[in-house]
Amino acid sequence: AAVDLGMSNYRAFENTPLETAISNISEFLYHS
């Protein structure tokens, strides 16, 4: 579901602070 969230944020929340916040979570999960 977090993968889904990471993918949907680019469409739904593009150019908002939420896009950055979700991207940070996705990146952290990817590396952790």
Full PDB file with SEQRES, HELIX, SHEET, SSBOND, CRYST1, ORIGX, SCALE, CONECT and MASTER records, all heavy atoms in Angstrom:
SEQRES   1 A   32  ALA ALA VAL ASP LEU GLY MET SER ASN TYR ARG ALA PHE          
SEQRES   2 A   32  GLU ASN THR PRO LEU GLU THR ALA ILE SER ASN ILE SER          
SEQRES   3 A   32  GLU PHE LEU TYR HIS SER                                      
HELIX    1 AA1 ALA A    2  ALA A   12  1                                  11    
HELIX    2 AA2 PRO A   17  HIS A   31  1                                  15    
CRYST1    1.000    1.000    1.000  90.00  90.00  90.00 P 1           1          
ORIGX1      1.000000  0.000000  0.000000        0.00000                         
ORIGX2      0.000000  1.000000  0.000000        0.00000                         
ORIGX3      0.000000  0.000000  1.000000        0.00000                         
SCALE1      1.000000  0.000000  0.000000        0.00000                         
SCALE2      0.000000  1.000000  0.000000        0.00000                         
SCALE3      0.000000  0.000000  1.000000        0.00000                         
ATOM      1  N   ALA A   1       0.844  -1.203   0.000  1.00  0.00           N  
ATOM      2  CA  ALA A   1       0.000   0.000   0.000  1.00  0.00           C  
ATOM      3  C   ALA A   1       0.877   1.252   0.000  1.00  0.00           C  
ATOM      4  O   ALA A   1       0.548   2.251  -0.648  1.00  0.00           O  
ATOM      5  CB  ALA A   1      -0.937  -0.005   1.203  1.00  0.00           C  
ATOM      6  N   ALA A   2       2.011   1.198   0.705  1.00  0.00           N  
ATOM      7  CA  ALA A   2       2.949   2.327   0.698  1.00  0.00           C  
ATOM      8  C   ALA A   2       3.540   2.530  -0.698  1.00  0.00           C  
ATOM      9  O   ALA A   2       3.778   3.670  -1.114  1.00  0.00           O  
ATOM     10  CB  ALA A   2       4.054   2.115   1.727  1.00  0.00           C  
ATOM     11  N   VAL A   3       3.760   1.440  -1.429  1.00  0.00           N  
ATOM     12  CA  VAL A   3       4.214   1.556  -2.821  1.00  0.00           C  
ATOM     13  C   VAL A   3       3.148   2.282  -3.634  1.00  0.00           C  
ATOM     14  O   VAL A   3       3.450   3.179  -4.420  1.00  0.00           O  
ATOM     15  CB  VAL A   3       4.529   0.170  -3.432  1.00  0.00           C  
ATOM     16  CG1 VAL A   3       4.791   0.280  -4.932  1.00  0.00           C  
ATOM     17  CG2 VAL A   3       5.714  -0.478  -2.731  1.00  0.00           C  
ATOM     18  N   ASP A   4       1.877   1.894  -3.446  1.00  0.00           N  
ATOM     19  CA  ASP A   4       0.772   2.586  -4.119  1.00  0.00           C  
ATOM     20  C   ASP A   4       0.788   4.080  -3.807  1.00  0.00           C  
ATOM     21  O   ASP A   4       0.627   4.910  -4.700  1.00  0.00           O  
ATOM     22  CB  ASP A   4      -0.585   2.040  -3.657  1.00  0.00           C  
ATOM     23  CG  ASP A   4      -1.045   0.824  -4.419  1.00  0.00           C  
ATOM     24  OD1 ASP A   4      -0.400   0.466  -5.413  1.00  0.00           O  
ATOM     25  OD2 ASP A   4      -2.057   0.235  -4.013  1.00  0.00           O  
ATOM     26  N   LEU A   5       0.945   4.373  -2.543  1.00  0.00           N  
ATOM     27  CA  LEU A   5       0.957   5.770  -2.107  1.00  0.00           C  
ATOM     28  C   LEU A   5       2.090   6.534  -2.787  1.00  0.00           C  
ATOM     29  O   LEU A   5       1.894   7.648  -3.269  1.00  0.00           O  
ATOM     30  CB  LEU A   5       1.085   5.847  -0.591  1.00  0.00           C  
ATOM     31  CG  LEU A   5       1.056   7.238   0.033  1.00  0.00           C  
ATOM     32  CD1 LEU A   5      -0.253   7.940  -0.283  1.00  0.00           C  
ATOM     33  CD2 LEU A   5       1.254   7.127   1.532  1.00  0.00           C  
ATOM     34  N   GLY A   6       3.248   5.917  -2.838  1.00  0.00           N  
ATOM     35  CA  GLY A   6       4.385   6.554  -3.501  1.00  0.00           C  
ATOM     36  C   GLY A   6       4.124   6.812  -4.970  1.00  0.00           C  
ATOM     37  O   GLY A   6       4.532   7.842  -5.519  1.00  0.00           O  
ATOM     38  N   MET A   7       3.426   5.894  -5.622  1.00  0.00           N  
ATOM     39  CA  MET A   7       3.132   6.060  -7.050  1.00  0.00           C  
ATOM     40  C   MET A   7       2.030   7.106  -7.268  1.00  0.00           C  
ATOM     41  O   MET A   7       2.107   7.902  -8.190  1.00  0.00           O  
ATOM     42  CB  MET A   7       2.711   4.723  -7.662  1.00  0.00           C  
ATOM     43  CG  MET A   7       3.780   3.655  -7.581  1.00  0.00           C  
ATOM     44  SD  MET A   7       5.329   4.110  -8.358  1.00  0.00           S  
ATOM     45  CE  MET A   7       4.939   3.846 -10.048  1.00  0.00           C  
ATOM     46  N   SER A   8       1.013   7.103  -6.424  1.00  0.00           N  
ATOM     47  CA  SER A   8      -0.112   8.015  -6.629  1.00  0.00           C  
ATOM     48  C   SER A   8       0.243   9.455  -6.301  1.00  0.00           C  
ATOM     49  O   SER A   8      -0.365  10.378  -6.824  1.00  0.00           O  
ATOM     50  CB  SER A   8      -1.319   7.582  -5.796  1.00  0.00           C  
ATOM     51  OG  SER A   8      -1.085   7.787  -4.423  1.00  0.00           O  
ATOM     52  N   ASN A   9       1.236   9.670  -5.442  1.00  0.00           N  
ATOM     53  CA  ASN A   9       1.542  11.041  -5.033  1.00  0.00           C  
ATOM     54  C   ASN A   9       2.058  11.867  -6.190  1.00  0.00           C  
ATOM     55  O   ASN A   9       1.861  13.071  -6.229  1.00  0.00           O  
ATOM     56  CB  ASN A   9       2.493  11.053  -3.834  1.00  0.00           C  
ATOM     57  CG  ASN A   9       3.953  11.095  -4.171  1.00  0.00           C  
ATOM     58  OD1 ASN A   9       4.450  12.084  -4.680  1.00  0.00           O  
ATOM     59  ND2 ASN A   9       4.660  10.029  -3.880  1.00  0.00           N  
ATOM     60  N   TYR A  10       2.677  11.235  -7.169  1.00  0.00           N  
ATOM     61  CA  TYR A  10       3.184  12.002  -8.311  1.00  0.00           C  
ATOM     62  C   TYR A  10       2.051  12.558  -9.153  1.00  0.00           C  
ATOM     63  O   TYR A  10       2.169  13.628  -9.728  1.00  0.00           O  
ATOM     64  CB  TYR A  10       4.113  11.132  -9.167  1.00  0.00           C  
ATOM     65  CG  TYR A  10       5.390  10.813  -8.448  1.00  0.00           C  
ATOM     66  CD1 TYR A  10       5.642   9.536  -7.974  1.00  0.00           C  
ATOM     67  CD2 TYR A  10       6.332  11.799  -8.198  1.00  0.00           C  
ATOM     68  CE1 TYR A  10       6.804   9.247  -7.289  1.00  0.00           C  
ATOM     69  CE2 TYR A  10       7.492  11.521  -7.501  1.00  0.00           C  
ATOM     70  CZ  TYR A  10       7.725  10.245  -7.055  1.00  0.00           C  
ATOM     71  OH  TYR A  10       8.864   9.974  -6.366  1.00  0.00           O  
ATOM     72  N   ARG A  11       0.950  11.832  -9.228  1.00  0.00           N  
ATOM     73  CA  ARG A  11      -0.193  12.323  -9.991  1.00  0.00           C  
ATOM     74  C   ARG A  11      -1.059  13.254  -9.164  1.00  0.00           C  
ATOM     75  O   ARG A  11      -1.410  14.342  -9.584  1.00  0.00           O  
ATOM     76  CB  ARG A  11      -1.048  11.150 -10.474  1.00  0.00           C  
ATOM     77  CG  ARG A  11      -0.407  10.318 -11.559  1.00  0.00           C  
ATOM     78  CD  ARG A  11      -1.303   9.181 -11.875  1.00  0.00           C  
ATOM     79  NE  ARG A  11      -1.471   8.453 -10.600  1.00  0.00           N  
ATOM     80  CZ  ARG A  11      -1.718   7.193 -10.479  1.00  0.00           C  
ATOM     81  NH1 ARG A  11      -1.879   6.474 -11.514  1.00  0.00           N  
ATOM     82  NH2 ARG A  11      -1.828   6.623  -9.303  1.00  0.00           N  
ATOM     83  N   ALA A  12      -1.426  12.801  -7.980  1.00  0.00           N  
ATOM     84  CA  ALA A  12      -2.419  13.511  -7.185  1.00  0.00           C  
ATOM     85  C   ALA A  12      -1.865  14.732  -6.465  1.00  0.00           C  
ATOM     86  O   ALA A  12      -2.560  15.735  -6.324  1.00  0.00           O  
ATOM     87  CB  ALA A  12      -3.047  12.566  -6.165  1.00  0.00           C  
ATOM     88  N   PHE A  13      -0.626  14.658  -6.009  1.00  0.00           N  
ATOM     89  CA  PHE A  13      -0.092  15.713  -5.155  1.00  0.00           C  
ATOM     90  C   PHE A  13       1.115  16.405  -5.774  1.00  0.00           C  
ATOM     91  O   PHE A  13       1.954  16.955  -5.058  1.00  0.00           O  
ATOM     92  CB  PHE A  13       0.277  15.146  -3.786  1.00  0.00           C  
ATOM     93  CG  PHE A  13      -0.854  14.414  -3.124  1.00  0.00           C  
ATOM     94  CD1 PHE A  13      -0.737  13.077  -2.781  1.00  0.00           C  
ATOM     95  CD2 PHE A  13      -2.047  15.062  -2.857  1.00  0.00           C  
ATOM     96  CE1 PHE A  13      -1.777  12.404  -2.173  1.00  0.00           C  
ATOM     97  CE2 PHE A  13      -3.097  14.392  -2.254  1.00  0.00           C  
ATOM     98  CZ  PHE A  13      -2.960  13.052  -1.908  1.00  0.00           C  
ATOM     99  N   GLU A  14       1.179  16.390  -7.084  1.00  0.00           N  
ATOM    100  CA  GLU A  14       2.314  16.981  -7.778  1.00  0.00           C  
ATOM    101  C   GLU A  14       2.490  18.451  -7.394  1.00  0.00           C  
ATOM    102  O   GLU A  14       1.526  19.207  -7.303  1.00  0.00           O  
ATOM    103  CB  GLU A  14       2.094  16.867  -9.296  1.00  0.00           C  
ATOM    104  CG  GLU A  14       3.284  17.284 -10.109  1.00  0.00           C  
ATOM    105  CD  GLU A  14       3.079  17.038 -11.583  1.00  0.00           C  
ATOM    106  OE1 GLU A  14       1.922  16.914 -12.024  1.00  0.00           O  
ATOM    107  OE2 GLU A  14       4.085  16.970 -12.296  1.00  0.00           O  
ATOM    108  N   ASN A  15       3.733  18.797  -7.128  1.00  0.00           N  
ATOM    109  CA  ASN A  15       4.116  20.172  -6.786  1.00  0.00           C  
ATOM    110  C   ASN A  15       3.468  20.686  -5.501  1.00  0.00           C  
ATOM    111  O   ASN A  15       3.178  21.876  -5.378  1.00  0.00           O  
ATOM    112  CB  ASN A  15       3.816  21.132  -7.950  1.00  0.00           C  
ATOM    113  CG  ASN A  15       4.596  20.770  -9.187  1.00  0.00           C  
ATOM    114  OD1 ASN A  15       5.754  20.377  -9.115  1.00  0.00           O  
ATOM    115  ND2 ASN A  15       3.958  20.893 -10.340  1.00  0.00           N  
ATOM    116  N   THR A  16       3.218  19.784  -4.565  1.00  0.00           N  
ATOM    117  CA  THR A  16       2.727  20.192  -3.251  1.00  0.00           C  
ATOM    118  C   THR A  16       3.709  19.680  -2.202  1.00  0.00           C  
ATOM    119  O   THR A  16       4.501  18.774  -2.480  1.00  0.00           O  
ATOM    120  CB  THR A  16       1.326  19.607  -2.940  1.00  0.00           C  
ATOM    121  OG1 THR A  16       1.441  18.185  -2.771  1.00  0.00           O  
ATOM    122  CG2 THR A  16       0.322  19.926  -4.030  1.00  0.00           C  
ATOM    123  N   PRO A  17       3.660  20.233  -1.012  1.00  0.00           N  
ATOM    124  CA  PRO A  17       4.526  19.713   0.059  1.00  0.00           C  
ATOM    125  C   PRO A  17       4.253  18.241   0.374  1.00  0.00           C  
ATOM    126  O   PRO A  17       5.134  17.528   0.827  1.00  0.00           O  
ATOM    127  CB  PRO A  17       4.190  20.596   1.261  1.00  0.00           C  
ATOM    128  CG  PRO A  17       3.579  21.822   0.696  1.00  0.00           C  
ATOM    129  CD  PRO A  17       2.914  21.410  -0.581  1.00  0.00           C  
ATOM    130  N   LEU A  18       3.027  17.782   0.099  1.00  0.00           N  
ATOM    131  CA  LEU A  18       2.695  16.390   0.365  1.00  0.00           C  
ATOM    132  C   LEU A  18       3.448  15.455  -0.576  1.00  0.00           C  
ATOM    133  O   LEU A  18       3.844  14.355  -0.181  1.00  0.00           O  
ATOM    134  CB  LEU A  18       1.185  16.164   0.271  1.00  0.00           C  
ATOM    135  CG  LEU A  18       0.675  14.799   0.712  1.00  0.00           C  
ATOM    136  CD1 LEU A  18       1.169  14.435   2.113  1.00  0.00           C  
ATOM    137  CD2 LEU A  18      -0.844  14.775   0.664  1.00  0.00           C  
ATOM    138  N   GLU A  19       3.671  15.878  -1.793  1.00  0.00           N  
ATOM    139  CA  GLU A  19       4.470  15.068  -2.719  1.00  0.00           C  
ATOM    140  C   GLU A  19       5.859  14.825  -2.123  1.00  0.00           C  
ATOM    141  O   GLU A  19       6.361  13.698  -2.124  1.00  0.00           O  
ATOM    142  CB  GLU A  19       4.601  15.754  -4.075  1.00  0.00           C  
ATOM    143  CG  GLU A  19       5.492  14.980  -5.041  1.00  0.00           C  
ATOM    144  CD  GLU A  19       5.782  15.708  -6.333  1.00  0.00           C  
ATOM    145  OE1 GLU A  19       5.685  16.952  -6.378  1.00  0.00           O  
ATOM    146  OE2 GLU A  19       6.128  15.027  -7.312  1.00  0.00           O  
ATOM    147  N   THR A  20       6.462  15.862  -1.598  1.00  0.00           N  
ATOM    148  CA  THR A  20       7.788  15.744  -0.993  1.00  0.00           C  
ATOM    149  C   THR A  20       7.755  14.848   0.231  1.00  0.00           C  
ATOM    150  O   THR A  20       8.623  13.982   0.405  1.00  0.00           O  
ATOM    151  CB  THR A  20       8.324  17.139  -0.618  1.00  0.00           C  
ATOM    152  OG1 THR A  20       8.340  17.955  -1.790  1.00  0.00           O  
ATOM    153  CG2 THR A  20       9.716  17.057  -0.029  1.00  0.00           C  
ATOM    154  N   ALA A  21       6.757  15.028   1.077  1.00  0.00           N  
ATOM    155  CA  ALA A  21       6.658  14.228   2.309  1.00  0.00           C  
ATOM    156  C   ALA A  21       6.505  12.743   1.991  1.00  0.00           C  
ATOM    157  O   ALA A  21       7.156  11.891   2.613  1.00  0.00           O  
ATOM    158  CB  ALA A  21       5.490  14.721   3.162  1.00  0.00           C  
ATOM    159  N   ILE A  22       5.668  12.413   1.018  1.00  0.00           N  
ATOM    160  CA  ILE A  22       5.464  11.015   0.647  1.00  0.00           C  
ATOM    161  C   ILE A  22       6.708  10.467  -0.053  1.00  0.00           C  
ATOM    162  O   ILE A  22       7.097   9.316   0.174  1.00  0.00           O  
ATOM    163  CB  ILE A  22       4.195  10.865  -0.215  1.00  0.00           C  
ATOM    164  CG1 ILE A  22       2.960  11.176   0.636  1.00  0.00           C  
ATOM    165  CG2 ILE A  22       4.107   9.456  -0.805  1.00  0.00           C  
ATOM    166  CD1 ILE A  22       1.670  11.269  -0.143  1.00  0.00           C  
ATOM    167  N   SER A  23       7.334  11.272  -0.873  1.00  0.00           N  
ATOM    168  CA  SER A  23       8.571  10.841  -1.533  1.00  0.00           C  
ATOM    169  C   SER A  23       9.656  10.525  -0.508  1.00  0.00           C  
ATOM    170  O   SER A  23      10.420   9.570  -0.683  1.00  0.00           O  
ATOM    171  CB  SER A  23       9.068  11.911  -2.504  1.00  0.00           C  
ATOM    172  OG  SER A  23       8.194  12.039  -3.590  1.00  0.00           O  
ATOM    173  N   ASN A  24       9.717  11.305   0.549  1.00  0.00           N  
ATOM    174  CA  ASN A  24      10.700  11.045   1.610  1.00  0.00           C  
ATOM    175  C   ASN A  24      10.446   9.699   2.280  1.00  0.00           C  
ATOM    176  O   ASN A  24      11.392   8.963   2.593  1.00  0.00           O  
ATOM    177  CB  ASN A  24      10.679  12.161   2.648  1.00  0.00           C  
ATOM    178  CG  ASN A  24      11.246  13.456   2.112  1.00  0.00           C  
ATOM    179  OD1 ASN A  24      11.963  13.477   1.117  1.00  0.00           O  
ATOM    180  ND2 ASN A  24      10.907  14.553   2.762  1.00  0.00           N  
ATOM    181  N   ILE A  25       9.191   9.361   2.492  1.00  0.00           N  
ATOM    182  CA  ILE A  25       8.847   8.063   3.079  1.00  0.00           C  
ATOM    183  C   ILE A  25       9.233   6.939   2.123  1.00  0.00           C  
ATOM    184  O   ILE A  25       9.859   5.945   2.522  1.00  0.00           O  
ATOM    185  CB  ILE A  25       7.343   7.992   3.424  1.00  0.00           C  
ATOM    186  CG1 ILE A  25       7.029   8.922   4.592  1.00  0.00           C  
ATOM    187  CG2 ILE A  25       6.920   6.543   3.747  1.00  0.00           C  
ATOM    188  CD1 ILE A  25       5.555   9.090   4.868  1.00  0.00           C  
ATOM    189  N   SER A  26       8.880   7.094   0.856  1.00  0.00           N  
ATOM    190  CA  SER A  26       9.196   6.066  -0.135  1.00  0.00           C  
ATOM    191  C   SER A  26      10.698   5.841  -0.237  1.00  0.00           C  
ATOM    192  O   SER A  26      11.161   4.694  -0.278  1.00  0.00           O  
ATOM    193  CB  SER A  26       8.637   6.455  -1.510  1.00  0.00           C  
ATOM    194  OG  SER A  26       7.241   6.513  -1.482  1.00  0.00           O  
ATOM    195  N   GLU A  27      11.446   6.916  -0.259  1.00  0.00           N  
ATOM    196  CA  GLU A  27      12.907   6.804  -0.354  1.00  0.00           C  
ATOM    197  C   GLU A  27      13.478   6.111   0.881  1.00  0.00           C  
ATOM    198  O   GLU A  27      14.358   5.251   0.776  1.00  0.00           O  
ATOM    199  CB  GLU A  27      13.524   8.186  -0.521  1.00  0.00           C  
ATOM    200  CG  GLU A  27      15.027   8.158  -0.664  1.00  0.00           C  
ATOM    201  CD  GLU A  27      15.633   9.539  -0.845  1.00  0.00           C  
ATOM    202  OE1 GLU A  27      14.895  10.523  -1.021  1.00  0.00           O  
ATOM    203  OE2 GLU A  27      16.874   9.618  -0.809  1.00  0.00           O  
ATOM    204  N   PHE A  28      12.982   6.480   2.044  1.00  0.00           N  
ATOM    205  CA  PHE A  28      13.466   5.865   3.277  1.00  0.00           C  
ATOM    206  C   PHE A  28      13.170   4.363   3.281  1.00  0.00           C  
ATOM    207  O   PHE A  28      14.034   3.551   3.632  1.00  0.00           O  
ATOM    208  CB  PHE A  28      12.838   6.549   4.490  1.00  0.00           C  
ATOM    209  CG  PHE A  28      13.408   6.078   5.795  1.00  0.00           C  
ATOM    210  CD1 PHE A  28      14.584   6.625   6.278  1.00  0.00           C  
ATOM    211  CD2 PHE A  28      12.784   5.086   6.523  1.00  0.00           C  
ATOM    212  CE1 PHE A  28      15.125   6.184   7.486  1.00  0.00           C  
ATOM    213  CE2 PHE A  28      13.313   4.637   7.727  1.00  0.00           C  
ATOM    214  CZ  PHE A  28      14.489   5.188   8.205  1.00  0.00           C  
ATOM    215  N   LEU A  29      11.948   3.981   2.900  1.00  0.00           N  
ATOM    216  CA  LEU A  29      11.596   2.569   2.844  1.00  0.00           C  
ATOM    217  C   LEU A  29      12.460   1.832   1.826  1.00  0.00           C  
ATOM    218  O   LEU A  29      12.907   0.715   2.063  1.00  0.00           O  
ATOM    219  CB  LEU A  29      10.113   2.393   2.504  1.00  0.00           C  
ATOM    220  CG  LEU A  29       9.127   2.759   3.607  1.00  0.00           C  
ATOM    221  CD1 LEU A  29       7.700   2.762   3.068  1.00  0.00           C  
ATOM    222  CD2 LEU A  29       9.252   1.810   4.788  1.00  0.00           C  
ATOM    223  N   TYR A  30      12.691   2.461   0.696  1.00  0.00           N  
ATOM    224  CA  TYR A  30      13.498   1.855  -0.366  1.00  0.00           C  
ATOM    225  C   TYR A  30      14.895   1.507   0.144  1.00  0.00           C  
ATOM    226  O   TYR A  30      15.432   0.450  -0.173  1.00  0.00           O  
ATOM    227  CB  TYR A  30      13.580   2.810  -1.557  1.00  0.00           C  
ATOM    228  CG  TYR A  30      14.290   2.241  -2.758  1.00  0.00           C  
ATOM    229  CD1 TYR A  30      13.584   1.494  -3.696  1.00  0.00           C  
ATOM    230  CD2 TYR A  30      15.647   2.437  -2.947  1.00  0.00           C  
ATOM    231  CE1 TYR A  30      14.228   0.963  -4.804  1.00  0.00           C  
ATOM    232  CE2 TYR A  30      16.298   1.907  -4.056  1.00  0.00           C  
ATOM    233  CZ  TYR A  30      15.582   1.177  -4.974  1.00  0.00           C  
ATOM    234  OH  TYR A  30      16.216   0.644  -6.071  1.00  0.00           O  
ATOM    235  N   HIS A  31      15.450   2.372   0.944  1.00  0.00           N  
ATOM    236  CA  HIS A  31      16.808   2.153   1.443  1.00  0.00           C  
ATOM    237  C   HIS A  31      16.857   1.373   2.758  1.00  0.00           C  
ATOM    238  O   HIS A  31      17.914   0.842   3.112  1.00  0.00           O  
ATOM    239  CB  HIS A  31      17.536   3.488   1.617  1.00  0.00           C  
ATOM    240  CG  HIS A  31      17.794   4.171   0.314  1.00  0.00           C  
ATOM    241  ND1 HIS A  31      18.648   3.681  -0.646  1.00  0.00           N  
ATOM    242  CD2 HIS A  31      17.291   5.304  -0.205  1.00  0.00           C  
ATOM    243  CE1 HIS A  31      18.669   4.474  -1.689  1.00  0.00           C  
ATOM    244  NE2 HIS A  31      17.850   5.476  -1.452  1.00  0.00           N  
ATOM    245  N   SER A  32      15.746   1.287   3.473  1.00  0.00           N  
ATOM    246  CA  SER A  32      15.747   0.664   4.795  1.00  0.00           C  
ATOM    247  C   SER A  32      15.138  -0.736   4.837  1.00  0.00           C  
ATOM    248  O   SER A  32      15.463  -1.512   5.729  1.00  0.00           O  
ATOM    249  CB  SER A  32      14.983   1.535   5.787  1.00  0.00           C  
ATOM    250  OG  SER A  32      15.597   2.786   5.909  1.00  0.00           O  
TER     251      SER A  32                                                      
MASTER        0    0    0    2    0    0    0    6  250    1    0    3          
END                                                                             
